[in-house]
Amino acid sequence: FAADRRAGSAVEGDGLYRELRSGARDLACLLMADLSLSTDTYVDDHHRVIDVVRDSLFLFAEALDATGDRFALHGFSSRKRDPVRVHTLKTFEERYGGAVRGRISAIKPGYYTRMGAAIRHASAMLAAQPAGRRLLLLLTDGKPNDLDKYEGRYGIEDTRQAVLEARRLGLQPFCVTIDAKGNDYLPHLFGNGGYVVIRQPSELPKRLPLLYAQLTA
Protein backbone atom coordinates (compact mmCIF):
# COMPACT_ATOMS: atom_id res chain seq x y z
CA PHE A 1 0.00 0.00 0.00
CA ALA A 2 2.62 2.58 1.10
CA ALA A 3 4.94 1.53 -1.72
CA ASP A 4 2.29 2.48 -4.27
CA ARG A 5 2.00 5.91 -2.67
CA ARG A 6 5.77 6.47 -2.63
CA ALA A 7 5.86 5.64 -6.31
CA GLY A 8 3.02 8.06 -6.99
CA SER A 9 0.61 5.39 -8.22
CA ALA A 10 -3.03 6.44 -8.22
CA VAL A 11 -5.22 3.92 -6.43
CA GLU A 12 -8.94 4.63 -6.61
CA GLY A 13 -11.19 2.36 -4.59
CA ASP A 14 -14.78 2.16 -3.40
CA GLY A 15 -15.77 5.37 -5.17
CA LEU A 16 -13.64 7.27 -2.66
CA TYR A 17 -12.49 10.11 -4.87
CA ARG A 18 -15.86 10.37 -6.56
CA GLU A 19 -17.48 11.06 -3.20
CA LEU A 20 -14.97 13.79 -2.43
CA ARG A 21 -14.86 15.56 -5.80
CA SER A 22 -16.35 18.98 -5.23
CA GLY A 23 -14.62 21.69 -7.27
CA ALA A 24 -13.22 24.88 -5.76
CA ARG A 25 -14.53 25.53 -2.26
CA ASP A 26 -13.89 28.34 0.21
CA LEU A 27 -12.33 26.10 2.84
CA ALA A 28 -8.95 25.08 4.21
CA CYS A 29 -8.03 21.98 6.21
CA LEU A 30 -5.00 21.36 8.38
CA LEU A 31 -4.39 17.82 9.60
CA MET A 32 -2.09 17.41 12.61
CA ALA A 33 -0.98 13.81 13.22
CA ASP A 34 0.26 12.46 16.55
CA LEU A 35 3.71 10.90 15.96
CA SER A 36 4.52 10.08 19.59
CA LEU A 37 6.22 6.92 20.85
CA SER A 38 2.90 5.13 21.32
CA THR A 39 2.57 4.91 17.53
CA ASP A 40 5.37 2.32 17.60
CA THR A 41 2.96 -0.28 19.04
CA TYR A 42 1.46 -2.98 16.83
CA VAL A 43 -2.20 -3.02 15.80
CA ASP A 44 -1.91 -6.55 14.36
CA ASP A 45 0.77 -9.12 13.55
CA HIS A 46 2.30 -7.03 10.79
CA HIS A 47 1.43 -3.34 11.18
CA ARG A 48 2.25 -0.67 13.76
CA VAL A 49 0.13 2.38 14.49
CA ILE A 50 2.67 4.54 12.63
CA ASP A 51 2.18 2.37 9.53
CA VAL A 52 -1.58 2.91 9.67
CA VAL A 53 -1.04 6.66 10.16
CA ARG A 54 1.33 6.75 7.18
CA ASP A 55 -1.16 4.97 4.91
CA SER A 56 -3.91 7.29 6.16
CA LEU A 57 -1.88 10.39 5.30
CA PHE A 58 -1.14 9.08 1.82
CA LEU A 59 -4.77 8.33 1.01
CA PHE A 60 -6.05 11.52 2.65
CA ALA A 61 -3.59 13.67 0.68
CA GLU A 62 -4.45 11.97 -2.61
CA ALA A 63 -8.17 12.38 -2.00
CA LEU A 64 -7.91 16.07 -1.10
CA ASP A 65 -5.53 16.74 -3.97
CA ALA A 66 -8.24 15.33 -6.27
CA THR A 67 -10.87 17.69 -4.81
CA GLY A 68 -8.84 20.87 -5.20
CA ASP A 69 -9.45 21.81 -1.54
CA ARG A 70 -6.60 23.67 0.18
CA PHE A 71 -4.90 21.51 2.81
CA ALA A 72 -1.76 21.14 4.90
CA LEU A 73 -0.31 18.11 6.70
CA HIS A 74 1.83 18.21 9.84
CA GLY A 75 2.97 15.72 12.47
CA PHE A 76 3.89 16.43 16.07
CA SER A 77 5.56 15.05 19.17
CA SER A 78 6.88 16.69 22.33
CA ARG A 79 9.26 16.43 25.24
CA LYS A 80 8.38 18.38 28.37
CA ARG A 81 8.23 22.15 27.91
CA ASP A 82 10.58 22.21 24.94
CA PRO A 83 8.85 23.66 21.89
CA VAL A 84 6.51 21.08 20.42
CA ARG A 85 8.23 19.24 17.56
CA VAL A 86 6.21 19.95 14.43
CA HIS A 87 7.08 17.97 11.31
CA THR A 88 5.94 19.77 8.18
CA LEU A 89 4.76 17.24 5.62
CA LYS A 90 2.87 19.60 3.31
CA THR A 91 2.22 23.34 3.53
CA PHE A 92 -0.87 25.04 2.17
CA GLU A 93 1.18 26.62 -0.61
CA GLU A 94 2.86 23.38 -1.70
CA ARG A 95 1.51 21.05 -4.35
CA TYR A 96 1.10 17.40 -3.49
CA GLY A 97 3.82 15.39 -5.22
CA GLY A 98 7.00 13.39 -4.77
CA ALA A 99 8.52 15.66 -2.12
CA VAL A 100 5.43 15.41 0.07
CA ARG A 101 5.19 11.65 -0.44
CA GLY A 102 8.82 11.35 0.61
CA ARG A 103 8.19 13.23 3.87
CA ILE A 104 5.16 11.11 4.66
CA SER A 105 7.16 7.95 3.99
CA ALA A 106 9.83 9.12 6.44
CA ILE A 107 7.60 9.71 9.49
CA LYS A 108 8.59 7.75 12.59
CA PRO A 109 7.56 7.56 16.27
CA GLY A 110 9.22 9.79 18.84
CA TYR A 111 8.67 11.34 22.27
CA TYR A 112 5.28 12.32 23.74
CA THR A 113 1.91 13.98 23.12
CA ARG A 114 1.63 17.57 24.35
CA MET A 115 -1.67 17.90 22.60
CA GLY A 116 -2.64 21.40 23.71
CA ALA A 117 0.59 22.90 22.38
CA ALA A 118 0.16 21.07 19.07
CA ILE A 119 -3.42 22.34 18.69
CA ARG A 120 -2.33 25.92 19.41
CA HIS A 121 0.46 25.69 16.83
CA ALA A 122 -1.93 24.24 14.25
CA SER A 123 -4.56 26.86 15.09
CA ALA A 124 -2.13 29.71 14.45
CA MET A 125 -1.23 28.31 11.03
CA LEU A 126 -4.82 27.59 10.05
CA ALA A 127 -6.19 30.92 11.31
CA ALA A 128 -3.85 32.69 8.87
CA GLN A 129 -5.59 31.04 5.91
CA PRO A 130 -8.07 33.27 4.03
CA ALA A 131 -10.91 30.76 3.90
CA GLY A 132 -14.52 31.01 4.94
CA ARG A 133 -14.37 27.61 6.61
CA ARG A 134 -11.29 26.20 8.34
CA LEU A 135 -11.19 22.60 9.56
CA LEU A 136 -8.52 21.44 12.03
CA LEU A 137 -8.23 17.65 12.15
CA LEU A 138 -6.28 16.03 14.97
CA LEU A 139 -5.28 12.42 14.32
CA THR A 140 -4.19 10.56 17.46
CA ASP A 141 -4.03 7.22 19.25
CA GLY A 142 -4.36 8.29 22.88
CA LYS A 143 -4.59 10.87 25.65
CA PRO A 144 -2.46 14.00 26.06
CA ASN A 145 0.73 13.04 27.91
CA ASP A 146 4.35 14.02 28.53
CA LEU A 147 7.12 13.37 31.04
CA ASP A 148 6.16 16.20 33.38
CA LYS A 149 2.88 17.21 35.05
CA TYR A 150 1.22 17.20 31.63
CA GLU A 151 0.38 13.56 32.31
CA GLY A 152 -3.12 13.38 33.77
CA ARG A 153 -5.58 16.16 34.55
CA TYR A 154 -3.31 19.06 33.64
CA GLY A 155 -2.85 17.76 30.09
CA ILE A 156 -6.56 17.11 29.70
CA GLU A 157 -7.53 20.62 30.79
CA ASP A 158 -4.79 22.29 28.73
CA THR A 159 -5.99 20.45 25.63
CA ARG A 160 -9.61 21.40 26.31
CA GLN A 161 -8.55 25.04 26.64
CA ALA A 162 -6.65 24.85 23.33
CA VAL A 163 -9.77 23.49 21.61
CA LEU A 164 -11.86 26.36 23.02
CA GLU A 165 -9.23 28.85 21.82
CA ALA A 166 -9.36 27.32 18.34
CA ARG A 167 -13.14 27.73 18.21
CA ARG A 168 -12.83 31.37 19.27
CA LEU A 169 -10.56 31.86 16.24
CA GLY A 170 -13.39 30.62 14.04
CA LEU A 171 -11.85 27.20 13.44
CA GLN A 172 -13.58 23.82 13.48
CA PRO A 173 -11.44 21.42 15.55
CA PHE A 174 -12.24 17.72 15.20
CA CYS A 175 -10.43 14.72 16.67
CA VAL A 176 -10.03 11.34 14.98
CA THR A 177 -8.70 8.67 17.35
CA ILE A 178 -8.03 4.94 17.30
CA ASP A 179 -7.98 4.84 21.11
CA ALA A 180 -10.73 2.40 22.13
CA LYS A 181 -11.06 4.33 25.42
CA GLY A 182 -11.53 7.66 23.67
CA ASN A 183 -15.16 7.99 24.74
CA ASP A 184 -13.95 8.25 28.35
CA TYR A 185 -12.29 11.65 27.87
CA LEU A 186 -12.88 13.07 24.37
CA PRO A 187 -16.39 14.46 25.09
CA HIS A 188 -14.76 16.72 27.69
CA LEU A 189 -12.05 17.82 25.25
CA PHE A 190 -13.92 18.22 21.96
CA GLY A 191 -17.61 17.95 22.84
CA ASN A 192 -19.98 15.14 21.88
CA GLY A 193 -19.97 16.05 18.18
CA GLY A 194 -16.30 16.94 17.96
CA TYR A 195 -14.63 13.57 17.64
CA VAL A 196 -14.89 10.04 16.30
CA VAL A 197 -13.41 6.78 17.60
CA ILE A 198 -12.21 4.37 14.89
CA ARG A 199 -12.35 1.02 16.68
CA GLN A 200 -10.53 -0.94 13.97
CA PRO A 201 -7.25 0.90 13.29
CA SER A 202 -6.88 -0.88 9.95
CA GLU A 203 -9.99 0.97 8.74
CA LEU A 204 -8.47 4.41 9.35
CA PRO A 205 -6.92 4.95 5.88
CA LYS A 206 -10.28 4.62 4.12
CA ARG A 207 -12.40 6.13 6.89
CA LEU A 208 -10.40 9.36 7.15
CA PRO A 209 -11.13 10.78 3.66
CA LEU A 210 -14.79 9.76 3.92
CA LEU A 211 -15.02 11.45 7.30
CA TYR A 212 -13.57 14.60 5.74
CA ALA A 213 -16.27 14.45 3.06
CA GLN A 214 -18.96 14.27 5.75
CA LEU A 215 -17.48 17.12 7.79
CA THR A 216 -17.22 19.44 4.79
CA ALA A 217 -20.44 18.53 2.96
C-alpha atoms as a PDB file:
ATOM      1  CA  PHE A   1       0.000   0.000   0.000  1.00  0.00           C
ATOM      2  CA  ALA A   2       2.616   2.581   1.104  1.00  0.00           C
ATOM      3  CA  ALA A   3       4.938   1.527  -1.715  1.00  0.00           C
ATOM      4  CA  ASP A   4       2.292   2.483  -4.274  1.00  0.00           C
ATOM      5  CA  ARG A   5       2.000   5.911  -2.674  1.00  0.00           C
ATOM      6  CA  ARG A   6       5.773   6.473  -2.626  1.00  0.00           C
ATOM      7  CA  ALA A   7       5.862   5.641  -6.312  1.00  0.00           C
ATOM      8  CA  GLY A   8       3.022   8.057  -6.987  1.00  0.00           C
ATOM      9  CA  SER A   9       0.608   5.395  -8.224  1.00  0.00           C
ATOM     10  CA  ALA A  10      -3.030   6.435  -8.223  1.00  0.00           C
ATOM     11  CA  VAL A  11      -5.219   3.920  -6.435  1.00  0.00           C
ATOM     12  CA  GLU A  12      -8.937   4.634  -6.610  1.00  0.00           C
ATOM     13  CA  GLY A  13     -11.193   2.356  -4.587  1.00  0.00           C
ATOM     14  CA  ASP A  14     -14.783   2.160  -3.401  1.00  0.00           C
ATOM     15  CA  GLY A  15     -15.768   5.367  -5.168  1.00  0.00           C
ATOM     16  CA  LEU A  16     -13.641   7.270  -2.659  1.00  0.00           C
ATOM     17  CA  TYR A  17     -12.490  10.112  -4.868  1.00  0.00           C
ATOM     18  CA  ARG A  18     -15.861  10.371  -6.563  1.00  0.00           C
ATOM     19  CA  GLU A  19     -17.479  11.059  -3.201  1.00  0.00           C
ATOM     20  CA  LEU A  20     -14.973  13.788  -2.435  1.00  0.00           C
ATOM     21  CA  ARG A  21     -14.860  15.563  -5.802  1.00  0.00           C
ATOM     22  CA  SER A  22     -16.345  18.985  -5.230  1.00  0.00           C
ATOM     23  CA  GLY A  23     -14.616  21.694  -7.269  1.00  0.00           C
ATOM     24  CA  ALA A  24     -13.223  24.883  -5.759  1.00  0.00           C
ATOM     25  CA  ARG A  25     -14.529  25.534  -2.257  1.00  0.00           C
ATOM     26  CA  ASP A  26     -13.886  28.340   0.209  1.00  0.00           C
ATOM     27  CA  LEU A  27     -12.326  26.097   2.836  1.00  0.00           C
ATOM     28  CA  ALA A  28      -8.947  25.079   4.207  1.00  0.00           C
ATOM     29  CA  CYS A  29      -8.033  21.976   6.206  1.00  0.00           C
ATOM     30  CA  LEU A  30      -4.999  21.359   8.385  1.00  0.00           C
ATOM     31  CA  LEU A  31      -4.386  17.820   9.598  1.00  0.00           C
ATOM     32  CA  MET A  32      -2.092  17.406  12.615  1.00  0.00           C
ATOM     33  CA  ALA A  33      -0.981  13.807  13.220  1.00  0.00           C
ATOM     34  CA  ASP A  34       0.260  12.463  16.554  1.00  0.00           C
ATOM     35  CA  LEU A  35       3.709  10.904  15.956  1.00  0.00           C
ATOM     36  CA  SER A  36       4.518  10.080  19.590  1.00  0.00           C
ATOM     37  CA  LEU A  37       6.218   6.916  20.854  1.00  0.00           C
ATOM     38  CA  SER A  38       2.903   5.127  21.319  1.00  0.00           C
ATOM     39  CA  THR A  39       2.571   4.906  17.533  1.00  0.00           C
ATOM     40  CA  ASP A  40       5.365   2.318  17.597  1.00  0.00           C
ATOM     41  CA  THR A  41       2.961  -0.278  19.039  1.00  0.00           C
ATOM     42  CA  TYR A  42       1.455  -2.983  16.832  1.00  0.00           C
ATOM     43  CA  VAL A  43      -2.197  -3.023  15.799  1.00  0.00           C
ATOM     44  CA  ASP A  44      -1.915  -6.551  14.355  1.00  0.00           C
ATOM     45  CA  ASP A  45       0.774  -9.122  13.554  1.00  0.00           C
ATOM     46  CA  HIS A  46       2.299  -7.030  10.787  1.00  0.00           C
ATOM     47  CA  HIS A  47       1.435  -3.340  11.182  1.00  0.00           C
ATOM     48  CA  ARG A  48       2.249  -0.667  13.759  1.00  0.00           C
ATOM     49  CA  VAL A  49       0.131   2.385  14.495  1.00  0.00           C
ATOM     50  CA  ILE A  50       2.673   4.538  12.629  1.00  0.00           C
ATOM     51  CA  ASP A  51       2.175   2.371   9.525  1.00  0.00           C
ATOM     52  CA  VAL A  52      -1.582   2.913   9.674  1.00  0.00           C
ATOM     53  CA  VAL A  53      -1.041   6.658  10.159  1.00  0.00           C
ATOM     54  CA  ARG A  54       1.327   6.755   7.175  1.00  0.00           C
ATOM     55  CA  ASP A  55      -1.157   4.975   4.913  1.00  0.00           C
ATOM     56  CA  SER A  56      -3.911   7.291   6.161  1.00  0.00           C
ATOM     57  CA  LEU A  57      -1.879  10.385   5.303  1.00  0.00           C
ATOM     58  CA  PHE A  58      -1.143   9.078   1.820  1.00  0.00           C
ATOM     59  CA  LEU A  59      -4.773   8.328   1.009  1.00  0.00           C
ATOM     60  CA  PHE A  60      -6.049  11.517   2.650  1.00  0.00           C
ATOM     61  CA  ALA A  61      -3.593  13.667   0.677  1.00  0.00           C
ATOM     62  CA  GLU A  62      -4.447  11.967  -2.606  1.00  0.00           C
ATOM     63  CA  ALA A  63      -8.166  12.381  -1.997  1.00  0.00           C
ATOM     64  CA  LEU A  64      -7.906  16.074  -1.095  1.00  0.00           C
ATOM     65  CA  ASP A  65      -5.534  16.741  -3.972  1.00  0.00           C
ATOM     66  CA  ALA A  66      -8.236  15.334  -6.268  1.00  0.00           C
ATOM     67  CA  THR A  67     -10.871  17.694  -4.813  1.00  0.00           C
ATOM     68  CA  GLY A  68      -8.837  20.867  -5.199  1.00  0.00           C
ATOM     69  CA  ASP A  69      -9.449  21.805  -1.539  1.00  0.00           C
ATOM     70  CA  ARG A  70      -6.599  23.670   0.180  1.00  0.00           C
ATOM     71  CA  PHE A  71      -4.896  21.513   2.806  1.00  0.00           C
ATOM     72  CA  ALA A  72      -1.765  21.137   4.904  1.00  0.00           C
ATOM     73  CA  LEU A  73      -0.308  18.112   6.703  1.00  0.00           C
ATOM     74  CA  HIS A  74       1.830  18.208   9.837  1.00  0.00           C
ATOM     75  CA  GLY A  75       2.968  15.721  12.474  1.00  0.00           C
ATOM     76  CA  PHE A  76       3.892  16.431  16.073  1.00  0.00           C
ATOM     77  CA  SER A  77       5.563  15.052  19.170  1.00  0.00           C
ATOM     78  CA  SER A  78       6.877  16.690  22.335  1.00  0.00           C
ATOM     79  CA  ARG A  79       9.257  16.430  25.237  1.00  0.00           C
ATOM     80  CA  LYS A  80       8.383  18.383  28.374  1.00  0.00           C
ATOM     81  CA  ARG A  81       8.232  22.146  27.911  1.00  0.00           C
ATOM     82  CA  ASP A  82      10.584  22.212  24.945  1.00  0.00           C
ATOM     83  CA  PRO A  83       8.853  23.665  21.885  1.00  0.00           C
ATOM     84  CA  VAL A  84       6.512  21.077  20.415  1.00  0.00           C
ATOM     85  CA  ARG A  85       8.231  19.244  17.560  1.00  0.00           C
ATOM     86  CA  VAL A  86       6.208  19.950  14.428  1.00  0.00           C
ATOM     87  CA  HIS A  87       7.078  17.969  11.311  1.00  0.00           C
ATOM     88  CA  THR A  88       5.937  19.772   8.184  1.00  0.00           C
ATOM     89  CA  LEU A  89       4.755  17.235   5.624  1.00  0.00           C
ATOM     90  CA  LYS A  90       2.872  19.597   3.313  1.00  0.00           C
ATOM     91  CA  THR A  91       2.223  23.340   3.534  1.00  0.00           C
ATOM     92  CA  PHE A  92      -0.874  25.042   2.168  1.00  0.00           C
ATOM     93  CA  GLU A  93       1.182  26.620  -0.606  1.00  0.00           C
ATOM     94  CA  GLU A  94       2.861  23.383  -1.702  1.00  0.00           C
ATOM     95  CA  ARG A  95       1.514  21.051  -4.349  1.00  0.00           C
ATOM     96  CA  TYR A  96       1.102  17.396  -3.492  1.00  0.00           C
ATOM     97  CA  GLY A  97       3.818  15.394  -5.220  1.00  0.00           C
ATOM     98  CA  GLY A  98       6.998  13.391  -4.774  1.00  0.00           C
ATOM     99  CA  ALA A  99       8.524  15.658  -2.121  1.00  0.00           C
ATOM    100  CA  VAL A 100       5.430  15.406   0.075  1.00  0.00           C
ATOM    101  CA  ARG A 101       5.186  11.654  -0.440  1.00  0.00           C
ATOM    102  CA  GLY A 102       8.820  11.351   0.612  1.00  0.00           C
ATOM    103  CA  ARG A 103       8.195  13.235   3.865  1.00  0.00           C
ATOM    104  CA  ILE A 104       5.156  11.115   4.658  1.00  0.00           C
ATOM    105  CA  SER A 105       7.162   7.951   3.987  1.00  0.00           C
ATOM    106  CA  ALA A 106       9.830   9.125   6.441  1.00  0.00           C
ATOM    107  CA  ILE A 107       7.604   9.706   9.493  1.00  0.00           C
ATOM    108  CA  LYS A 108       8.585   7.750  12.589  1.00  0.00           C
ATOM    109  CA  PRO A 109       7.557   7.562  16.268  1.00  0.00           C
ATOM    110  CA  GLY A 110       9.218   9.790  18.836  1.00  0.00           C
ATOM    111  CA  TYR A 111       8.668  11.342  22.268  1.00  0.00           C
ATOM    112  CA  TYR A 112       5.279  12.318  23.741  1.00  0.00           C
ATOM    113  CA  THR A 113       1.906  13.979  23.118  1.00  0.00           C
ATOM    114  CA  ARG A 114       1.626  17.571  24.353  1.00  0.00           C
ATOM    115  CA  MET A 115      -1.671  17.902  22.598  1.00  0.00           C
ATOM    116  CA  GLY A 116      -2.636  21.401  23.715  1.00  0.00           C
ATOM    117  CA  ALA A 117       0.593  22.901  22.375  1.00  0.00           C
ATOM    118  CA  ALA A 118       0.158  21.069  19.070  1.00  0.00           C
ATOM    119  CA  ILE A 119      -3.416  22.338  18.691  1.00  0.00           C
ATOM    120  CA  ARG A 120      -2.328  25.923  19.406  1.00  0.00           C
ATOM    121  CA  HIS A 121       0.460  25.690  16.833  1.00  0.00           C
ATOM    122  CA  ALA A 122      -1.927  24.240  14.250  1.00  0.00           C
ATOM    123  CA  SER A 123      -4.561  26.860  15.088  1.00  0.00           C
ATOM    124  CA  ALA A 124      -2.131  29.715  14.452  1.00  0.00           C
ATOM    125  CA  MET A 125      -1.231  28.308  11.028  1.00  0.00           C
ATOM    126  CA  LEU A 126      -4.824  27.590  10.049  1.00  0.00           C
ATOM    127  CA  ALA A 127      -6.188  30.920  11.310  1.00  0.00           C
ATOM    128  CA  ALA A 128      -3.847  32.689   8.871  1.00  0.00           C
ATOM    129  CA  GLN A 129      -5.589  31.042   5.909  1.00  0.00           C
ATOM    130  CA  PRO A 130      -8.067  33.268   4.027  1.00  0.00           C
ATOM    131  CA  ALA A 131     -10.908  30.763   3.899  1.00  0.00           C
ATOM    132  CA  GLY A 132     -14.523  31.015   4.936  1.00  0.00           C
ATOM    133  CA  ARG A 133     -14.368  27.614   6.606  1.00  0.00           C
ATOM    134  CA  ARG A 134     -11.287  26.201   8.339  1.00  0.00           C
ATOM    135  CA  LEU A 135     -11.187  22.598   9.559  1.00  0.00           C
ATOM    136  CA  LEU A 136      -8.523  21.445  12.030  1.00  0.00           C
ATOM    137  CA  LEU A 137      -8.233  17.650  12.145  1.00  0.00           C
ATOM    138  CA  LEU A 138      -6.283  16.031  14.968  1.00  0.00           C
ATOM    139  CA  LEU A 139      -5.281  12.423  14.325  1.00  0.00           C
ATOM    140  CA  THR A 140      -4.185  10.564  17.461  1.00  0.00           C
ATOM    141  CA  ASP A 141      -4.031   7.217  19.248  1.00  0.00           C
ATOM    142  CA  GLY A 142      -4.358   8.293  22.881  1.00  0.00           C
ATOM    143  CA  LYS A 143      -4.594  10.871  25.648  1.00  0.00           C
ATOM    144  CA  PRO A 144      -2.455  13.998  26.057  1.00  0.00           C
ATOM    145  CA  ASN A 145       0.735  13.039  27.906  1.00  0.00           C
ATOM    146  CA  ASP A 146       4.353  14.024  28.531  1.00  0.00           C
ATOM    147  CA  LEU A 147       7.121  13.369  31.039  1.00  0.00           C
ATOM    148  CA  ASP A 148       6.159  16.204  33.381  1.00  0.00           C
ATOM    149  CA  LYS A 149       2.877  17.209  35.051  1.00  0.00           C
ATOM    150  CA  TYR A 150       1.215  17.198  31.626  1.00  0.00           C
ATOM    151  CA  GLU A 151       0.383  13.556  32.315  1.00  0.00           C
ATOM    152  CA  GLY A 152      -3.119  13.384  33.773  1.00  0.00           C
ATOM    153  CA  ARG A 153      -5.577  16.162  34.555  1.00  0.00           C
ATOM    154  CA  TYR A 154      -3.312  19.061  33.638  1.00  0.00           C
ATOM    155  CA  GLY A 155      -2.848  17.762  30.090  1.00  0.00           C
ATOM    156  CA  ILE A 156      -6.564  17.112  29.696  1.00  0.00           C
ATOM    157  CA  GLU A 157      -7.531  20.622  30.787  1.00  0.00           C
ATOM    158  CA  ASP A 158      -4.792  22.290  28.730  1.00  0.00           C
ATOM    159  CA  THR A 159      -5.993  20.446  25.631  1.00  0.00           C
ATOM    160  CA  ARG A 160      -9.607  21.403  26.311  1.00  0.00           C
ATOM    161  CA  GLN A 161      -8.552  25.040  26.639  1.00  0.00           C
ATOM    162  CA  ALA A 162      -6.647  24.853  23.332  1.00  0.00           C
ATOM    163  CA  VAL A 163      -9.768  23.490  21.613  1.00  0.00           C
ATOM    164  CA  LEU A 164     -11.859  26.361  23.019  1.00  0.00           C
ATOM    165  CA  GLU A 165      -9.232  28.850  21.822  1.00  0.00           C
ATOM    166  CA  ALA A 166      -9.365  27.323  18.336  1.00  0.00           C
ATOM    167  CA  ARG A 167     -13.136  27.732  18.215  1.00  0.00           C
ATOM    168  CA  ARG A 168     -12.826  31.372  19.275  1.00  0.00           C
ATOM    169  CA  LEU A 169     -10.564  31.859  16.244  1.00  0.00           C
ATOM    170  CA  GLY A 170     -13.387  30.623  14.041  1.00  0.00           C
ATOM    171  CA  LEU A 171     -11.848  27.204  13.440  1.00  0.00           C
ATOM    172  CA  GLN A 172     -13.583  23.818  13.481  1.00  0.00           C
ATOM    173  CA  PRO A 173     -11.439  21.418  15.547  1.00  0.00           C
ATOM    174  CA  PHE A 174     -12.245  17.723  15.196  1.00  0.00           C
ATOM    175  CA  CYS A 175     -10.428  14.718  16.671  1.00  0.00           C
ATOM    176  CA  VAL A 176     -10.028  11.336  14.985  1.00  0.00           C
ATOM    177  CA  THR A 177      -8.697   8.668  17.346  1.00  0.00           C
ATOM    178  CA  ILE A 178      -8.026   4.945  17.296  1.00  0.00           C
ATOM    179  CA  ASP A 179      -7.976   4.836  21.109  1.00  0.00           C
ATOM    180  CA  ALA A 180     -10.729   2.400  22.126  1.00  0.00           C
ATOM    181  CA  LYS A 181     -11.059   4.331  25.418  1.00  0.00           C
ATOM    182  CA  GLY A 182     -11.526   7.664  23.667  1.00  0.00           C
ATOM    183  CA  ASN A 183     -15.155   7.987  24.745  1.00  0.00           C
ATOM    184  CA  ASP A 184     -13.953   8.250  28.351  1.00  0.00           C
ATOM    185  CA  TYR A 185     -12.291  11.647  27.866  1.00  0.00           C
ATOM    186  CA  LEU A 186     -12.884  13.070  24.365  1.00  0.00           C
ATOM    187  CA  PRO A 187     -16.393  14.457  25.088  1.00  0.00           C
ATOM    188  CA  HIS A 188     -14.761  16.719  27.691  1.00  0.00           C
ATOM    189  CA  LEU A 189     -12.054  17.823  25.249  1.00  0.00           C
ATOM    190  CA  PHE A 190     -13.920  18.223  21.963  1.00  0.00           C
ATOM    191  CA  GLY A 191     -17.613  17.953  22.837  1.00  0.00           C
ATOM    192  CA  ASN A 192     -19.982  15.144  21.876  1.00  0.00           C
ATOM    193  CA  GLY A 193     -19.971  16.046  18.180  1.00  0.00           C
ATOM    194  CA  GLY A 194     -16.303  16.944  17.961  1.00  0.00           C
ATOM    195  CA  TYR A 195     -14.630  13.571  17.635  1.00  0.00           C
ATOM    196  CA  VAL A 196     -14.891  10.043  16.305  1.00  0.00           C
ATOM    197  CA  VAL A 197     -13.413   6.776  17.599  1.00  0.00           C
ATOM    198  CA  ILE A 198     -12.208   4.370  14.891  1.00  0.00           C
ATOM    199  CA  ARG A 199     -12.351   1.018  16.678  1.00  0.00           C
ATOM    200  CA  GLN A 200     -10.531  -0.940  13.974  1.00  0.00           C
ATOM    201  CA  PRO A 201      -7.246   0.895  13.289  1.00  0.00           C
ATOM    202  CA  SER A 202      -6.878  -0.885   9.947  1.00  0.00           C
ATOM    203  CA  GLU A 203      -9.994   0.974   8.737  1.00  0.00           C
ATOM    204  CA  LEU A 204      -8.471   4.411   9.347  1.00  0.00           C
ATOM    205  CA  PRO A 205      -6.916   4.949   5.878  1.00  0.00           C
ATOM    206  CA  LYS A 206     -10.278   4.616   4.121  1.00  0.00           C
ATOM    207  CA  ARG A 207     -12.400   6.134   6.890  1.00  0.00           C
ATOM    208  CA  LEU A 208     -10.405   9.363   7.145  1.00  0.00           C
ATOM    209  CA  PRO A 209     -11.135  10.782   3.657  1.00  0.00           C
ATOM    210  CA  LEU A 210     -14.787   9.763   3.917  1.00  0.00           C
ATOM    211  CA  LEU A 211     -15.025  11.455   7.303  1.00  0.00           C
ATOM    212  CA  TYR A 212     -13.572  14.600   5.741  1.00  0.00           C
ATOM    213  CA  ALA A 213     -16.270  14.451   3.063  1.00  0.00           C
ATOM    214  CA  GLN A 214     -18.962  14.266   5.751  1.00  0.00           C
ATOM    215  CA  LEU A 215     -17.480  17.121   7.788  1.00  0.00           C
ATOM    216  CA  THR A 216     -17.224  19.443   4.788  1.00  0.00           C
ATOM    217  CA  ALA A 217     -20.441  18.532   2.959  1.00  0.00           C
END
